[in-house]
Amino acid sequence: MPKMVAACGLDCFGCECREATLSGDMAKKADIAVRWSQQYSAALTAADINCVGCTEEGAHFGWCEQCPIRTCAVSKNYKTCAECVEFPCDKSRLILDAVPDAKANIESLRAH
């Protein structure tokens, strides 16, 4: 199955925010906003659920624009952490320790 790996290793193809953005499904965006607001102690609206993928040109979810992992990769002109000789670092552990699939995606990219 193809993947769109974000800077941190998350698979954007599997992201419900990206799926709702691309489909324009406002009901799904509203549902995600409610769930993510509760899960992440945030005040999100359907309008906040707007992202085409971390490494794509266009809209990015608010957190992604502030993400220290994405910011670091972009500043080094890397697409993902897999390109960095400092991997894993304290910044990348934010996601890698919490999301084993993200870590596996980065390690897979590093192996190639």
N, C-alpha and C. Protein backbone atom coordinates (compact mmCIF):
# COMPACT_ATOMS: atom_id res chain seq x y z
N MET A 1 0.84 -1.17 0.00
CA MET A 1 0.00 0.00 0.00
C MET A 1 0.89 1.24 0.00
N PRO A 2 0.63 2.19 -0.89
CA PRO A 2 1.46 3.40 -0.95
C PRO A 2 1.28 4.26 0.30
N LYS A 3 2.34 5.02 0.61
CA LYS A 3 2.30 5.89 1.77
C LYS A 3 2.77 7.28 1.37
N MET A 4 2.32 8.26 2.11
CA MET A 4 2.83 9.62 2.02
C MET A 4 3.38 9.91 3.41
N VAL A 5 4.67 9.75 3.56
CA VAL A 5 5.26 9.84 4.89
C VAL A 5 5.57 11.30 5.23
N ALA A 6 5.01 11.73 6.35
CA ALA A 6 5.26 13.07 6.87
C ALA A 6 6.68 13.15 7.41
N ALA A 7 7.14 14.34 7.71
CA ALA A 7 8.48 14.55 8.24
C ALA A 7 8.75 13.65 9.44
N CYS A 8 7.75 13.45 10.26
CA CYS A 8 7.90 12.67 11.50
C CYS A 8 7.70 11.17 11.31
N GLY A 9 7.23 10.77 10.15
CA GLY A 9 6.99 9.36 9.90
C GLY A 9 5.53 8.96 9.86
N LEU A 10 4.63 9.85 10.28
CA LEU A 10 3.20 9.54 10.17
C LEU A 10 2.84 9.36 8.70
N ASP A 11 1.88 8.48 8.42
CA ASP A 11 1.43 8.25 7.05
C ASP A 11 0.23 9.16 6.76
N CYS A 12 0.48 10.20 5.98
CA CYS A 12 -0.58 11.16 5.66
C CYS A 12 -1.73 10.52 4.88
N PHE A 13 -1.44 9.48 4.09
CA PHE A 13 -2.52 8.82 3.35
C PHE A 13 -3.56 8.24 4.30
N GLY A 14 -3.14 7.86 5.50
CA GLY A 14 -4.05 7.28 6.47
C GLY A 14 -4.67 8.28 7.42
N CYS A 15 -4.39 9.56 7.22
CA CYS A 15 -4.86 10.60 8.13
C CYS A 15 -6.29 11.01 7.80
N GLU A 16 -7.17 10.92 8.80
CA GLU A 16 -8.56 11.28 8.57
C GLU A 16 -8.74 12.77 8.30
N CYS A 17 -7.87 13.60 8.80
CA CYS A 17 -7.94 15.04 8.51
C CYS A 17 -7.69 15.28 7.02
N ARG A 18 -6.67 14.64 6.47
CA ARG A 18 -6.36 14.78 5.04
C ARG A 18 -7.51 14.23 4.20
N GLU A 19 -8.03 13.08 4.58
CA GLU A 19 -9.13 12.47 3.83
C GLU A 19 -10.35 13.40 3.80
N ALA A 20 -10.68 13.98 4.95
CA ALA A 20 -11.84 14.89 5.02
C ALA A 20 -11.58 16.16 4.21
N THR A 21 -10.35 16.64 4.22
CA THR A 21 -10.00 17.83 3.44
C THR A 21 -10.18 17.57 1.95
N LEU A 22 -9.62 16.47 1.49
CA LEU A 22 -9.67 16.16 0.06
C LEU A 22 -11.09 15.89 -0.43
N SER A 23 -11.90 15.29 0.44
CA SER A 23 -13.27 14.98 0.03
C SER A 23 -14.22 16.16 0.24
N GLY A 24 -13.79 17.13 1.06
CA GLY A 24 -14.65 18.27 1.36
C GLY A 24 -15.82 17.90 2.26
N ASP A 25 -15.68 16.81 3.01
CA ASP A 25 -16.76 16.29 3.86
C ASP A 25 -16.82 17.09 5.17
N MET A 26 -17.70 18.08 5.21
CA MET A 26 -17.81 18.96 6.38
C MET A 26 -18.33 18.22 7.61
N ALA A 27 -19.19 17.24 7.43
CA ALA A 27 -19.68 16.47 8.57
C ALA A 27 -18.53 15.68 9.20
N LYS A 28 -17.69 15.11 8.37
CA LYS A 28 -16.54 14.37 8.88
C LYS A 28 -15.56 15.31 9.57
N LYS A 29 -15.35 16.50 8.97
CA LYS A 29 -14.47 17.49 9.60
C LYS A 29 -15.00 17.88 10.97
N ALA A 30 -16.30 18.09 11.08
CA ALA A 30 -16.91 18.46 12.36
C ALA A 30 -16.74 17.35 13.38
N ASP A 31 -16.92 16.11 12.95
CA ASP A 31 -16.75 14.97 13.85
C ASP A 31 -15.30 14.88 14.34
N ILE A 32 -14.36 15.04 13.43
CA ILE A 32 -12.94 14.99 13.80
C ILE A 32 -12.63 16.12 14.78
N ALA A 33 -13.14 17.31 14.52
CA ALA A 33 -12.89 18.46 15.39
C ALA A 33 -13.36 18.17 16.82
N VAL A 34 -14.53 17.58 16.95
CA VAL A 34 -15.05 17.26 18.29
C VAL A 34 -14.15 16.23 18.97
N ARG A 35 -13.83 15.16 18.26
CA ARG A 35 -13.01 14.10 18.86
C ARG A 35 -11.61 14.58 19.19
N TRP A 36 -10.97 15.29 18.26
CA TRP A 36 -9.61 15.77 18.51
C TRP A 36 -9.58 16.84 19.59
N SER A 37 -10.62 17.64 19.70
CA SER A 37 -10.70 18.64 20.77
C SER A 37 -10.68 17.95 22.12
N GLN A 38 -11.45 16.89 22.25
CA GLN A 38 -11.47 16.13 23.50
C GLN A 38 -10.15 15.40 23.73
N GLN A 39 -9.64 14.75 22.70
CA GLN A 39 -8.43 13.95 22.82
C GLN A 39 -7.20 14.79 23.14
N TYR A 40 -7.10 15.98 22.55
CA TYR A 40 -5.90 16.80 22.69
C TYR A 40 -6.12 18.07 23.52
N SER A 41 -7.24 18.14 24.23
CA SER A 41 -7.56 19.30 25.06
C SER A 41 -7.39 20.60 24.27
N ALA A 42 -8.05 20.63 23.13
CA ALA A 42 -7.97 21.79 22.24
C ALA A 42 -9.38 22.26 21.91
N ALA A 43 -9.47 23.43 21.33
CA ALA A 43 -10.77 23.96 20.90
C ALA A 43 -10.76 24.04 19.38
N LEU A 44 -11.04 22.92 18.73
CA LEU A 44 -10.98 22.85 17.27
C LEU A 44 -12.38 22.95 16.66
N THR A 45 -12.43 23.52 15.48
CA THR A 45 -13.67 23.58 14.72
C THR A 45 -13.47 22.81 13.42
N ALA A 46 -14.55 22.60 12.69
CA ALA A 46 -14.45 21.92 11.40
C ALA A 46 -13.50 22.66 10.47
N ALA A 47 -13.45 23.99 10.55
CA ALA A 47 -12.56 24.78 9.71
C ALA A 47 -11.09 24.51 10.01
N ASP A 48 -10.78 24.06 11.23
CA ASP A 48 -9.40 23.74 11.59
C ASP A 48 -8.93 22.43 10.97
N ILE A 49 -9.87 21.60 10.61
CA ILE A 49 -9.55 20.28 10.05
C ILE A 49 -9.34 20.47 8.55
N ASN A 50 -8.13 20.86 8.20
CA ASN A 50 -7.82 21.23 6.83
C ASN A 50 -6.34 20.94 6.57
N CYS A 51 -6.03 19.88 5.83
CA CYS A 51 -4.64 19.52 5.56
C CYS A 51 -4.57 18.63 4.33
N VAL A 52 -3.58 18.90 3.48
CA VAL A 52 -3.38 18.07 2.28
C VAL A 52 -2.21 17.11 2.44
N GLY A 53 -1.52 17.19 3.57
CA GLY A 53 -0.38 16.30 3.83
C GLY A 53 0.85 17.12 4.16
N CYS A 54 1.62 16.65 5.10
CA CYS A 54 2.77 17.37 5.64
C CYS A 54 3.75 17.86 4.57
N THR A 55 4.06 17.01 3.63
CA THR A 55 5.10 17.35 2.66
C THR A 55 4.53 17.94 1.37
N GLU A 56 3.22 18.12 1.32
CA GLU A 56 2.58 18.66 0.12
C GLU A 56 2.42 20.17 0.22
N GLU A 57 2.39 20.82 -0.92
CA GLU A 57 2.09 22.25 -0.97
C GLU A 57 0.60 22.43 -0.70
N GLY A 58 0.26 23.39 0.10
CA GLY A 58 -1.14 23.66 0.38
C GLY A 58 -1.40 23.72 1.87
N ALA A 59 -2.64 23.51 2.22
CA ALA A 59 -3.07 23.64 3.62
C ALA A 59 -2.44 22.56 4.50
N HIS A 60 -2.09 22.98 5.71
CA HIS A 60 -1.58 22.06 6.72
C HIS A 60 -2.36 22.29 8.01
N PHE A 61 -2.65 21.20 8.70
CA PHE A 61 -3.32 21.29 9.99
C PHE A 61 -2.50 22.21 10.89
N GLY A 62 -3.16 23.01 11.70
CA GLY A 62 -2.50 24.00 12.55
C GLY A 62 -1.31 23.48 13.31
N TRP A 63 -1.44 22.31 13.93
CA TRP A 63 -0.32 21.76 14.69
C TRP A 63 0.86 21.48 13.75
N CYS A 64 0.60 21.00 12.57
CA CYS A 64 1.67 20.65 11.63
C CYS A 64 2.53 21.87 11.29
N GLU A 65 1.91 23.03 11.20
CA GLU A 65 2.66 24.26 10.92
C GLU A 65 3.60 24.62 12.06
N GLN A 66 3.27 24.18 13.27
CA GLN A 66 4.08 24.49 14.45
C GLN A 66 4.95 23.31 14.89
N CYS A 67 4.75 22.16 14.29
CA CYS A 67 5.42 20.93 14.72
C CYS A 67 6.94 21.09 14.69
N PRO A 68 7.60 20.87 15.82
CA PRO A 68 9.05 21.02 15.86
C PRO A 68 9.78 20.02 14.96
N ILE A 69 9.18 18.87 14.73
CA ILE A 69 9.81 17.87 13.86
C ILE A 69 9.76 18.36 12.41
N ARG A 70 8.60 18.79 11.97
CA ARG A 70 8.45 19.29 10.60
C ARG A 70 9.31 20.53 10.39
N THR A 71 9.30 21.45 11.36
CA THR A 71 10.10 22.66 11.27
C THR A 71 11.58 22.33 11.12
N CYS A 72 12.06 21.38 11.89
CA CYS A 72 13.46 20.96 11.82
C CYS A 72 13.79 20.38 10.45
N ALA A 73 12.95 19.47 9.97
CA ALA A 73 13.20 18.84 8.67
C ALA A 73 13.21 19.88 7.56
N VAL A 74 12.24 20.78 7.57
CA VAL A 74 12.16 21.82 6.54
C VAL A 74 13.40 22.72 6.60
N SER A 75 13.85 23.07 7.81
CA SER A 75 15.01 23.95 7.95
C SER A 75 16.29 23.30 7.42
N LYS A 76 16.32 21.97 7.42
CA LYS A 76 17.49 21.24 6.90
C LYS A 76 17.29 20.81 5.45
N ASN A 77 16.16 21.20 4.88
CA ASN A 77 15.80 20.84 3.51
C ASN A 77 15.64 19.32 3.34
N TYR A 78 15.13 18.67 4.38
CA TYR A 78 14.85 17.23 4.36
C TYR A 78 13.36 17.03 4.17
N LYS A 79 13.01 15.96 3.52
CA LYS A 79 11.59 15.62 3.40
C LYS A 79 11.11 14.94 4.69
N THR A 80 11.95 14.07 5.26
CA THR A 80 11.60 13.38 6.51
C THR A 80 12.83 13.27 7.42
N CYS A 81 12.60 12.83 8.63
CA CYS A 81 13.69 12.60 9.58
C CYS A 81 14.63 11.49 9.12
N ALA A 82 14.19 10.68 8.19
CA ALA A 82 15.03 9.57 7.72
C ALA A 82 16.33 10.07 7.11
N GLU A 83 16.35 11.29 6.61
CA GLU A 83 17.54 11.84 5.97
C GLU A 83 18.55 12.40 6.96
N CYS A 84 18.17 12.54 8.21
CA CYS A 84 19.00 13.24 9.20
C CYS A 84 19.96 12.28 9.92
N VAL A 85 21.23 12.69 10.00
CA VAL A 85 22.23 11.87 10.70
C VAL A 85 22.01 11.88 12.20
N GLU A 86 21.25 12.85 12.71
CA GLU A 86 20.98 12.94 14.14
C GLU A 86 19.77 12.10 14.58
N PHE A 87 19.12 11.43 13.65
CA PHE A 87 17.96 10.60 13.97
C PHE A 87 18.39 9.38 14.77
N PRO A 88 17.64 9.02 15.80
CA PRO A 88 16.53 9.74 16.43
C PRO A 88 17.07 10.81 17.37
N CYS A 89 16.31 11.87 17.51
CA CYS A 89 16.70 12.96 18.40
C CYS A 89 15.54 13.24 19.36
N ASP A 90 15.77 14.18 20.26
CA ASP A 90 14.72 14.51 21.23
C ASP A 90 13.44 14.99 20.56
N LYS A 91 13.57 15.76 19.46
CA LYS A 91 12.38 16.25 18.76
C LYS A 91 11.59 15.09 18.16
N SER A 92 12.28 14.17 17.51
CA SER A 92 11.57 13.08 16.84
C SER A 92 10.92 12.11 17.82
N ARG A 93 11.47 12.00 19.00
CA ARG A 93 10.89 11.09 20.00
C ARG A 93 9.47 11.49 20.38
N LEU A 94 9.12 12.74 20.20
CA LEU A 94 7.77 13.24 20.48
C LEU A 94 6.72 12.34 19.82
N ILE A 95 6.95 12.00 18.57
CA ILE A 95 6.02 11.15 17.82
C ILE A 95 6.46 9.69 17.87
N LEU A 96 7.73 9.44 17.67
CA LEU A 96 8.21 8.07 17.51
C LEU A 96 7.92 7.18 18.71
N ASP A 97 8.00 7.74 19.90
CA ASP A 97 7.70 6.95 21.09
C ASP A 97 6.21 6.67 21.24
N ALA A 98 5.39 7.59 20.72
CA ALA A 98 3.93 7.47 20.86
C ALA A 98 3.27 6.70 19.72
N VAL A 99 3.91 6.71 18.55
CA VAL A 99 3.30 6.10 17.36
C VAL A 99 4.29 5.14 16.71
N PRO A 100 4.25 3.87 17.09
CA PRO A 100 5.20 2.89 16.54
C PRO A 100 5.20 2.82 15.01
N ASP A 101 4.05 3.03 14.37
CA ASP A 101 4.01 2.99 12.91
C ASP A 101 4.85 4.11 12.29
N ALA A 102 4.87 5.27 12.93
CA ALA A 102 5.68 6.38 12.43
C ALA A 102 7.16 6.03 12.50
N LYS A 103 7.56 5.43 13.59
CA LYS A 103 8.96 5.01 13.75
C LYS A 103 9.31 3.97 12.69
N ALA A 104 8.43 3.02 12.47
CA ALA A 104 8.67 1.98 11.46
C ALA A 104 8.78 2.59 10.06
N ASN A 105 7.96 3.59 9.76
CA ASN A 105 8.04 4.26 8.45
C ASN A 105 9.39 4.94 8.25
N ILE A 106 9.87 5.65 9.28
CA ILE A 106 11.17 6.32 9.17
C ILE A 106 12.29 5.29 9.04
N GLU A 107 12.23 4.24 9.84
CA GLU A 107 13.28 3.21 9.77
C GLU A 107 13.27 2.52 8.41
N SER A 108 12.10 2.33 7.84
CA SER A 108 12.00 1.72 6.51
C SER A 108 12.64 2.64 5.46
N LEU A 109 12.38 3.93 5.55
CA LEU A 109 13.00 4.88 4.61
C LEU A 109 14.52 4.92 4.78
N ARG A 110 14.99 4.82 6.01
CA ARG A 110 16.44 4.83 6.26
C ARG A 110 17.12 3.59 5.71
N ALA A 111 16.39 2.49 5.64
CA ALA A 111 16.96 1.23 5.14
C ALA A 111 17.14 1.24 3.63
N HIS A 112 16.46 2.15 2.94
CA HIS A 112 16.54 2.19 1.47
C HIS A 112 17.56 3.13 1.00
